[in-house]
């Protein structure tokens, strides 16, 4: 039987096929097993964030480079992304603080205007949709309500949503959803608040667990229902994994809040905590788990190698998928030579970087590592059981809706590792090189 193996170097993915007499070559002590009849969660997809920074950067590049970047992410020959995230009002990766209506006296939202998004964000989303081979499901997250709704009177530096503005903020979000639909870009999912327990120097707002539960239960859920927007799925938390289970339990223990909550979203900035993802999956099997943000922060990892950065991505994707995650969303799609723009200089890396002075773009190694998942694990794929002979190899396997199977293996060690990938009495033997990632495809 033919098995297709995909390897990666800095410039391209390499494909090769090997037909093996598996029974004569397999060494049962060095086996990665895949069990197609043991199935777990389904996959919604993979994607990245349509920030104002990303859209702005794209417009500063030559037309042919713009087209190359859009196809690199969403085209058939690219990462084949089918998920996207954007921000309600501004975020740190915007050109500055802004809200769609900043007038406290405008109770009817007569001044509500998404014109700022129409300049950079919406055009990028529409171009991505043209390049994509399937629907791009869109997630929207608020970083902060308008300043007048908050206890600290500004969009930055935390603060909380004033109690008297809870309904108005829910109405504001509903208006945003309707405006995006009118612009031809319907939003499929929202989170209540980006990083609700972080006081940041940029756009931020604090929600204690009781605040978030009450806002979903008494305001956001009923408002979306009343406004004909109940098809927009609500996700809670949208922050790091170390207290993921605590927040999920705190919101979902309320029956009415749980009714309005489609799932739980999370980031990676506090470490692995894959067990926390597993706990939520086990306790709330009817809820979706969505990874919504991760990036290489220059403040912490600027000096790490490209290999280390790529392995950081793949390790987190592998661990989250094995723990029961349904979808993966990277952070900014495109950043400039500084790692921005960012209105508080919170610079980061992205899988695709550009030089706006030279008019060029560069795919980082992380781009190719992400592709080992996003290019081959399709929407609707089911995770399959795997077992490993060593923790030096990280592995996850899926069966796509067409019956094809995908196994991704990564070796973060400094030694080449010979192994056999096995499905009962069939398989293939090969070497996973030191510091490399490999995807094995098997036709259905």
Protein backbone atom coordinates (compact mmCIF):
# COMPACT_ATOMS: atom_id res chain seq x y z
CA UNK A 1 0.00 0.00 0.00
CA UNK A 2 1.23 3.51 -0.85
CA UNK A 3 1.71 5.99 1.99
CA UNK A 4 2.53 9.63 1.26
CA UNK A 5 4.97 11.35 3.62
CA UNK A 6 5.35 15.14 3.79
CA UNK A 7 8.47 16.72 5.28
CA UNK A 8 9.31 20.39 5.71
CA UNK A 9 12.37 22.56 5.24
CA UNK A 10 12.54 26.37 5.34
CA UNK A 11 11.52 26.82 1.73
CA UNK A 12 9.08 24.08 0.79
CA UNK A 13 7.29 20.90 1.69
CA UNK A 14 8.76 17.71 0.21
CA UNK A 15 6.54 14.81 -0.80
CA UNK A 16 7.58 11.22 -1.25
CA UNK A 17 5.91 7.82 -1.33
CA UNK A 18 7.18 4.51 -0.10
CA UNK A 19 5.75 1.06 -0.64
CA UNK A 20 6.93 -1.25 2.09
CA UNK A 21 6.69 -4.86 2.99
CA UNK A 22 5.52 -3.75 6.39
CA UNK A 23 5.52 -7.13 8.13
CA UNK A 24 9.15 -7.77 7.30
CA UNK A 25 10.38 -4.31 8.31
CA UNK A 26 8.33 -3.41 11.37
CA UNK A 27 10.00 -3.53 14.74
CA UNK A 28 7.23 -3.80 17.29
CA UNK A 29 9.30 -2.10 19.98
CA UNK A 30 9.39 1.18 17.98
CA UNK A 31 5.78 1.63 16.93
CA UNK A 32 3.32 4.50 16.74
CA UNK A 33 -0.14 2.92 16.60
CA UNK A 34 -3.22 4.50 15.00
CA UNK A 35 -6.62 2.97 15.78
CA UNK A 36 -9.23 4.19 13.23
CA UNK A 37 -12.14 2.58 15.08
CA UNK A 38 -11.49 4.64 18.25
CA UNK A 39 -12.75 8.18 17.62
CA UNK A 40 -12.95 11.37 19.61
CA UNK A 41 -13.73 15.03 18.78
CA UNK A 42 -14.36 16.51 15.34
CA UNK A 43 -12.39 19.39 13.84
CA UNK A 44 -13.88 22.75 12.90
CA UNK A 45 -10.71 24.03 11.27
CA UNK A 46 -7.60 26.21 11.42
CA UNK A 47 -7.05 29.91 10.90
CA UNK A 48 -5.62 33.25 11.99
CA UNK A 49 -6.64 36.78 12.96
CA UNK A 50 -7.83 39.60 10.70
CA UNK A 51 -6.50 42.45 12.83
CA UNK A 52 -6.34 46.07 11.75
CA UNK A 53 -2.55 45.72 11.83
CA UNK A 54 -2.64 42.80 9.38
CA UNK A 55 -5.00 44.58 7.01
CA UNK A 56 -3.01 47.81 7.17
CA UNK A 57 0.26 46.00 6.46
CA UNK A 58 -1.23 44.29 3.42
CA UNK A 59 -2.18 47.62 1.83
CA UNK A 60 1.41 48.85 2.15
CA UNK A 61 2.76 46.09 -0.10
CA UNK A 62 2.83 45.74 -3.91
CA UNK A 63 -0.31 44.17 -5.40
CA UNK A 64 1.45 40.94 -6.41
CA UNK A 65 2.87 40.49 -2.90
CA UNK A 66 -0.58 41.11 -1.41
CA UNK A 67 -2.03 38.38 -3.59
CA UNK A 68 0.78 35.99 -2.67
CA UNK A 69 0.10 36.48 1.05
CA UNK A 70 -3.67 35.98 0.80
CA UNK A 71 -3.19 32.79 -1.25
CA UNK A 72 -0.45 31.61 1.11
CA UNK A 73 -2.97 31.49 3.93
CA UNK A 74 -6.30 30.73 2.27
CA UNK A 75 -5.56 29.27 -1.16
CA UNK A 76 -5.50 25.61 -2.12
CA UNK A 77 -1.70 25.70 -2.41
CA UNK A 78 -1.37 27.54 0.91
CA UNK A 79 -2.42 26.74 4.47
CA UNK A 80 -6.08 26.31 3.43
CA UNK A 81 -7.30 28.27 6.46
CA UNK A 82 -11.07 28.07 7.04
CA UNK A 83 -11.32 29.99 10.33
CA UNK A 84 -10.71 33.66 11.12
CA UNK A 85 -10.80 35.93 14.15
CA UNK A 86 -11.29 39.67 14.36
CA UNK A 87 -11.78 42.29 17.06
CA UNK A 88 -14.89 44.22 18.12
CA UNK A 89 -13.65 47.82 18.61
CA UNK A 90 -9.87 48.15 18.75
CA UNK A 91 -7.26 45.74 20.09
CA UNK A 92 -3.54 46.22 20.74
CA UNK A 93 -2.79 45.29 17.12
CA UNK A 94 -4.76 48.29 15.87
CA UNK A 95 -3.41 51.66 14.84
CA UNK A 96 -4.94 53.20 17.97
CA UNK A 97 -7.89 52.95 20.35
CA UNK A 98 -11.28 53.23 18.69
CA UNK A 99 -14.92 52.27 19.20
CA UNK A 100 -17.82 52.29 16.76
CA UNK A 101 -19.85 54.68 18.91
CA UNK A 102 -18.14 56.70 21.64
CA UNK A 103 -21.06 58.99 22.54
CA UNK A 104 -22.59 58.12 25.92
CA UNK A 105 -25.70 60.13 25.00
CA UNK A 106 -26.33 58.16 21.80
CA UNK A 107 -28.62 55.55 23.33
CA UNK A 108 -30.12 54.67 19.92
CA UNK A 109 -26.67 54.11 18.33
CA UNK A 110 -27.40 56.67 15.62
CA UNK A 111 -23.65 57.36 15.37
CA UNK A 112 -22.66 53.67 15.30
CA UNK A 113 -20.16 53.31 12.45
CA UNK A 114 -17.91 50.41 11.41
CA UNK A 115 -16.19 52.62 8.85
CA UNK A 116 -12.82 52.03 10.51
CA UNK A 117 -13.16 48.27 9.87
CA UNK A 118 -14.18 48.91 6.27
CA UNK A 119 -10.79 50.46 5.60
CA UNK A 120 -8.51 47.53 6.49
CA UNK A 121 -10.28 44.59 8.18
CA UNK A 122 -13.30 43.88 6.00
CA UNK A 123 -11.38 44.11 2.69
CA UNK A 124 -8.89 41.51 3.97
CA UNK A 125 -11.70 39.17 5.05
CA UNK A 126 -13.41 39.51 1.67
CA UNK A 127 -10.14 38.78 -0.17
CA UNK A 128 -9.57 35.74 2.00
CA UNK A 129 -13.06 34.48 1.19
CA UNK A 130 -12.32 34.80 -2.53
CA UNK A 131 -9.14 32.74 -2.19
CA UNK A 132 -10.54 30.07 0.13
CA UNK A 133 -11.89 26.76 -1.10
CA UNK A 134 -14.58 26.59 1.59
CA UNK A 135 -16.44 28.88 3.97
CA UNK A 136 -14.30 30.84 6.41
CA UNK A 137 -16.08 30.78 9.77
CA UNK A 138 -15.47 34.05 11.60
CA UNK A 139 -14.99 34.63 15.33
CA UNK A 140 -15.22 38.14 16.80
CA UNK A 141 -13.86 39.15 20.21
CA UNK A 142 -14.09 42.45 22.12
CA UNK A 143 -10.96 43.77 23.85
CA UNK A 144 -12.85 46.63 25.52
CA UNK A 145 -16.24 48.35 25.50
CA UNK A 146 -16.23 52.10 24.74
CA UNK A 147 -14.54 54.13 27.49
CA UNK A 148 -17.80 55.62 28.81
CA UNK A 149 -19.13 52.15 29.68
CA UNK A 150 -16.18 51.31 31.94
CA UNK A 151 -15.33 51.94 35.56
CA UNK A 152 -11.92 53.42 34.73
CA UNK A 153 -13.22 55.68 31.95
CA UNK A 154 -10.77 54.42 29.30
CA UNK A 155 -10.36 51.47 26.93
CA UNK A 156 -6.88 50.55 28.20
CA UNK A 157 -5.61 49.43 31.62
CA UNK A 158 -8.41 47.05 32.56
CA UNK A 159 -11.38 48.46 34.38
CA UNK A 160 -14.76 46.73 34.38
CA UNK A 161 -18.03 47.09 32.54
CA UNK A 162 -20.33 49.27 34.63
CA UNK A 163 -23.43 47.40 35.79
CA UNK A 164 -25.73 50.03 34.33
CA UNK A 165 -24.20 49.47 30.88
CA UNK A 166 -24.50 45.69 30.70
CA UNK A 167 -27.63 45.73 28.54
CA UNK A 168 -26.33 48.55 26.39
CA UNK A 169 -23.08 46.66 25.77
CA UNK A 170 -25.05 43.55 24.77
CA UNK A 171 -27.10 45.73 22.40
CA UNK A 172 -23.86 47.23 21.05
CA UNK A 173 -22.49 43.76 20.24
CA UNK A 174 -25.76 42.82 18.53
CA UNK A 175 -25.56 46.01 16.45
CA UNK A 176 -21.98 45.12 15.45
CA UNK A 177 -23.13 41.67 14.30
CA UNK A 178 -25.92 43.21 12.21
CA UNK A 179 -23.55 45.77 10.66
CA UNK A 180 -21.15 43.02 9.64
CA UNK A 181 -23.99 41.03 8.11
CA UNK A 182 -25.06 44.12 6.16
CA UNK A 183 -21.47 44.43 4.91
CA UNK A 184 -21.64 40.87 3.58
CA UNK A 185 -19.45 39.36 6.33
CA UNK A 186 -21.59 37.42 8.81
CA UNK A 187 -19.95 36.52 12.12
CA UNK A 188 -20.40 32.89 13.19
CA UNK A 189 -18.96 33.00 16.72
CA UNK A 190 -18.16 35.54 19.43
CA UNK A 191 -16.31 35.47 22.72
CA UNK A 192 -17.53 37.51 25.67
CA UNK A 193 -14.18 39.21 26.29
CA UNK A 194 -10.58 38.76 25.20
CA UNK A 195 -8.44 37.84 28.23
CA UNK A 196 -11.01 38.81 30.87
CA UNK A 197 -8.58 38.53 33.79
CA UNK A 198 -5.73 40.63 32.37
CA UNK A 199 -5.15 44.31 33.12
CA UNK A 200 -3.15 45.33 30.05
CA UNK A 201 -1.58 48.62 28.97
CA UNK A 202 -3.72 48.19 25.86
CA UNK A 203 -7.47 47.57 25.34
CA UNK A 204 -8.70 45.36 28.20
CA UNK A 205 -11.65 44.80 30.52
CA UNK A 206 -11.98 42.60 33.60
CA UNK A 207 -14.75 40.02 34.04
CA UNK A 208 -14.71 37.93 37.18
CA UNK A 209 -16.32 34.53 36.70
CA UNK A 210 -19.63 35.72 38.16
CA UNK A 211 -19.57 38.76 35.85
CA UNK A 212 -19.11 36.64 32.76
CA UNK A 213 -21.74 34.10 33.77
CA UNK A 214 -24.31 36.83 34.50
CA UNK A 215 -23.52 38.75 31.30
CA UNK A 216 -24.08 35.63 29.17
CA UNK A 217 -27.14 34.49 31.12
CA UNK A 218 -28.99 37.78 31.61
CA UNK A 219 -27.81 40.04 28.80
CA UNK A 220 -25.81 38.70 25.85
CA UNK A 221 -27.62 35.40 25.34
CA UNK A 222 -31.16 36.84 25.61
CA UNK A 223 -30.22 39.86 23.48
CA UNK A 224 -28.88 37.77 20.59
CA UNK A 225 -31.98 35.60 20.84
CA UNK A 226 -34.29 38.59 20.77
CA UNK A 227 -32.44 40.23 17.86
CA UNK A 228 -32.58 37.14 15.63
CA UNK A 229 -28.89 36.39 16.18
CA UNK A 230 -29.14 33.15 18.14
CA UNK A 231 -27.19 31.35 15.40
CA UNK A 232 -24.08 33.25 16.53
CA UNK A 233 -22.32 30.88 18.94
CA UNK A 234 -21.08 32.32 22.25
CA UNK A 235 -17.73 31.21 23.72
CA UNK A 236 -16.54 32.08 27.22
CA UNK A 237 -13.13 32.61 28.83
CA UNK A 238 -10.85 33.37 25.82
CA UNK A 239 -7.81 33.47 28.07
CA UNK A 240 -4.98 31.21 29.27
CA UNK A 241 -5.30 27.54 30.14
CA UNK A 242 -4.12 27.43 33.75
CA UNK A 243 -7.64 28.18 35.07
CA UNK A 244 -9.55 27.09 31.98
CA UNK A 245 -11.49 24.44 33.90
CA UNK A 246 -12.28 26.83 36.75
CA UNK A 247 -13.84 29.39 34.40
CA UNK A 248 -15.71 26.77 32.39
CA UNK A 249 -17.18 25.30 35.57
CA UNK A 250 -18.02 28.73 36.95
CA UNK A 251 -20.06 29.69 33.89
CA UNK A 252 -21.47 26.33 32.82
CA UNK A 253 -22.66 25.36 36.30
CA UNK A 254 -25.49 27.83 35.75
CA UNK A 255 -28.10 26.05 33.64
CA UNK A 256 -29.34 29.13 31.81
CA UNK A 257 -25.84 30.45 31.09
CA UNK A 258 -24.86 27.00 29.84
CA UNK A 259 -27.82 27.03 27.46
CA UNK A 260 -26.47 30.14 25.75
CA UNK A 261 -22.82 28.98 25.76
CA UNK A 262 -21.57 26.99 22.76
CA UNK A 263 -18.06 26.46 24.05
CA UNK A 264 -14.92 27.57 25.82
CA UNK A 265 -12.03 29.45 24.18
CA UNK A 266 -8.42 29.65 25.37
CA UNK A 267 -4.88 30.96 24.71
CA UNK A 268 -1.40 29.51 25.31
CA UNK A 269 0.57 32.19 27.16
CA UNK A 270 0.77 30.47 30.56
CA UNK A 271 2.13 27.10 29.41
CA UNK A 272 0.85 23.73 28.22
CA UNK A 273 -1.93 22.83 30.70
CA UNK A 274 -3.26 20.28 28.20
CA UNK A 275 -4.84 18.48 31.15
CA UNK A 276 -7.08 21.51 31.70
CA UNK A 277 -8.36 21.17 28.14
CA UNK A 278 -8.98 17.46 28.73
CA UNK A 279 -10.90 18.21 31.94
CA UNK A 280 -13.27 20.57 30.14
CA UNK A 281 -13.72 18.06 27.31
CA UNK A 282 -14.56 15.28 29.81
CA UNK A 283 -16.84 17.38 32.05
CA UNK A 284 -18.68 19.19 29.22
CA UNK A 285 -18.64 16.87 26.17
CA UNK A 286 -21.40 18.86 24.45
CA UNK A 287 -19.35 22.09 24.44
CA UNK A 288 -16.82 23.07 21.81
CA UNK A 289 -13.20 23.85 22.65
CA UNK A 290 -11.50 26.51 20.56
CA UNK A 291 -7.91 27.70 20.71
CA UNK A 292 -8.24 31.39 19.84
CA UNK A 293 -4.81 33.00 20.24
CA UNK A 294 -1.10 32.26 20.46
CA UNK A 295 1.97 33.99 19.09
CA UNK A 296 5.71 34.37 19.63
CA UNK A 297 6.05 37.41 21.86
CA UNK A 298 9.18 39.47 21.24
CA UNK A 299 9.25 40.43 24.91
CA UNK A 300 9.85 36.76 25.81
CA UNK A 301 11.10 34.81 22.79
CA UNK A 302 12.75 37.30 20.42
CA UNK A 303 16.11 35.53 20.59
CA UNK A 304 14.86 31.97 20.13
CA UNK A 305 15.63 30.16 16.87
CA UNK A 306 13.12 29.77 14.06
CA UNK A 307 13.11 26.02 14.76
CA UNK A 308 12.26 26.62 18.43
CA UNK A 309 9.46 29.02 17.47
CA UNK A 310 7.99 26.57 14.95
CA UNK A 311 8.18 23.74 17.46
CA UNK A 312 6.38 25.92 20.01
CA UNK A 313 3.48 26.19 17.58
CA UNK A 314 3.35 22.51 16.67
CA UNK A 315 3.74 21.31 20.26
CA UNK A 316 0.78 23.39 21.37
CA UNK A 317 -1.38 22.36 18.41
CA UNK A 318 -0.57 18.68 18.99
CA UNK A 319 -1.23 18.86 22.72
CA UNK A 320 -4.48 20.77 22.36
CA UNK A 321 -5.82 18.44 19.67
CA UNK A 322 -4.95 15.38 21.75
CA UNK A 323 -6.79 16.97 24.70
CA UNK A 324 -10.01 17.43 22.73
CA UNK A 325 -9.76 20.81 20.97
CA UNK A 326 -12.02 21.37 17.96
CA UNK A 327 -10.30 24.31 16.27
CA UNK A 328 -7.14 26.38 16.19
CA UNK A 329 -6.77 30.13 15.56
CA UNK A 330 -3.35 31.75 15.34
CA UNK A 331 -2.94 35.46 16.13
CA UNK A 332 -2.02 38.10 13.50
CA UNK A 333 -1.91 36.96 9.89
CA UNK A 334 0.71 39.53 8.89
CA UNK A 335 3.09 41.78 10.83
CA UNK A 336 5.71 44.27 9.67
CA UNK A 337 9.48 44.48 10.13
CA UNK A 338 9.02 45.65 13.75
CA UNK A 339 6.43 43.03 14.66
CA UNK A 340 3.52 45.48 14.44
CA UNK A 341 2.01 47.96 14.12
CA UNK A 342 0.83 47.87 17.70
CA UNK A 343 -0.43 51.00 19.42
CA UNK A 344 1.44 50.22 22.65
CA UNK A 345 4.49 48.62 20.97
CA UNK A 346 3.59 45.10 22.13
CA UNK A 347 5.46 43.60 19.19
CA UNK A 348 5.20 39.94 18.18
CA UNK A 349 6.07 37.56 15.35
CA UNK A 350 3.65 36.05 12.84
CA UNK A 351 3.98 33.06 10.49
CA UNK A 352 4.18 35.55 7.61
CA UNK A 353 6.21 38.73 8.12
CA UNK A 354 6.59 41.63 5.72
CA UNK A 355 9.01 44.47 5.16
CA UNK A 356 6.91 47.47 4.26
CA UNK A 357 10.00 49.48 3.31
CA UNK A 358 11.25 46.91 0.80
CA UNK A 359 7.79 45.66 -0.23
CA UNK A 360 8.62 42.02 0.51
CA UNK A 361 7.21 39.14 2.53
CA UNK A 362 8.72 36.11 4.28
CA UNK A 363 7.16 32.84 5.37
CA UNK A 364 8.69 31.83 8.68
CA UNK A 365 9.27 28.18 9.58
CA UNK A 366 6.20 28.30 11.84
CA UNK A 367 4.11 28.82 8.67
CA UNK A 368 5.26 25.45 7.31
CA UNK A 369 4.79 23.70 10.66
CA UNK A 370 1.20 24.93 10.90
CA UNK A 371 0.66 23.66 7.36
CA UNK A 372 1.32 20.08 8.48
CA UNK A 373 -2.03 20.34 10.26
CA UNK A 374 -4.12 22.90 8.38
CA UNK A 375 -3.42 21.63 4.86
CA UNK A 376 -4.41 18.03 5.52
CA UNK A 377 -6.80 17.87 8.50
CA UNK A 378 -10.10 18.99 7.01
CA UNK A 379 -13.25 20.40 8.58
CA UNK A 380 -15.28 17.49 9.97
CA UNK A 381 -12.25 15.25 10.54
CA UNK A 382 -12.44 12.96 13.58
CA UNK A 383 -9.50 12.42 15.90
CA UNK A 384 -8.32 8.82 16.13
CA UNK A 385 -6.67 7.02 19.03
CA UNK A 386 -2.88 6.79 19.00
CA UNK A 387 -0.25 5.12 21.18
CA UNK A 388 3.51 5.85 21.21
CA UNK A 389 6.62 3.91 22.15
CA UNK A 390 8.36 7.09 23.33
CA UNK A 391 7.56 10.61 24.47
CA UNK A 392 10.32 11.85 22.16
CA UNK A 393 7.77 11.67 19.34
CA UNK A 394 4.58 13.74 19.56
CA UNK A 395 1.77 12.33 17.43
CA UNK A 396 -1.89 12.92 16.56
CA UNK A 397 -4.09 11.26 13.94
CA UNK A 398 -7.37 12.12 12.18
CA UNK A 399 -9.75 10.66 9.63
CA UNK A 400 -11.14 13.17 7.14
CA UNK A 401 -14.75 13.08 5.90
CA UNK A 402 -13.57 11.46 2.64
CA UNK A 403 -12.04 8.57 4.59
CA UNK A 404 -8.41 9.63 4.14
CA UNK A 405 -6.28 9.52 7.26
CA UNK A 406 -3.67 12.01 8.48
CA UNK A 407 -0.99 11.44 11.12
CA UNK A 408 1.29 14.28 12.24
CA UNK A 409 4.50 13.42 14.08
CA UNK A 410 7.08 15.78 15.54
CA UNK A 411 10.56 15.10 16.89
CA UNK A 412 11.87 17.95 19.07
CA UNK A 413 15.02 16.06 20.08
CA UNK A 414 18.51 16.32 18.60
CA UNK A 415 18.55 12.71 17.38
CA UNK A 416 17.01 11.01 14.35
CA UNK A 417 14.34 8.49 15.41
CA UNK A 418 13.48 5.44 13.32
CA UNK A 419 9.93 4.17 13.82
CA UNK A 420 7.03 2.27 12.31
CA UNK A 421 3.61 3.87 11.90
CA UNK A 422 1.04 1.10 12.20
CA UNK A 423 -2.68 0.55 11.65
CA UNK A 424 -3.21 -3.01 12.85
CA UNK A 425 -1.52 -5.15 10.14
CA UNK A 426 -0.58 -2.30 7.80
CA UNK A 427 2.03 0.39 8.12
CA UNK A 428 5.19 2.13 7.03
CA UNK A 429 8.68 2.44 8.51
CA UNK A 430 10.81 5.58 8.22
CA UNK A 431 13.05 8.03 10.07
CA UNK A 432 11.75 11.21 11.70
CA UNK A 433 14.80 13.45 11.59
CA UNK A 434 16.04 15.50 14.53
CA UNK A 435 14.03 18.69 15.05
CA UNK A 436 11.55 17.92 12.31
CA UNK A 437 7.84 17.47 11.67
CA UNK A 438 6.30 14.87 9.35
CA UNK A 439 2.77 14.31 8.09
CA UNK A 440 1.76 10.87 6.79
CA UNK A 441 -1.25 10.59 4.50
CA UNK A 442 -3.20 7.43 3.75
CA UNK A 443 -5.98 7.44 1.17
CA UNK A 444 -9.41 6.22 2.23
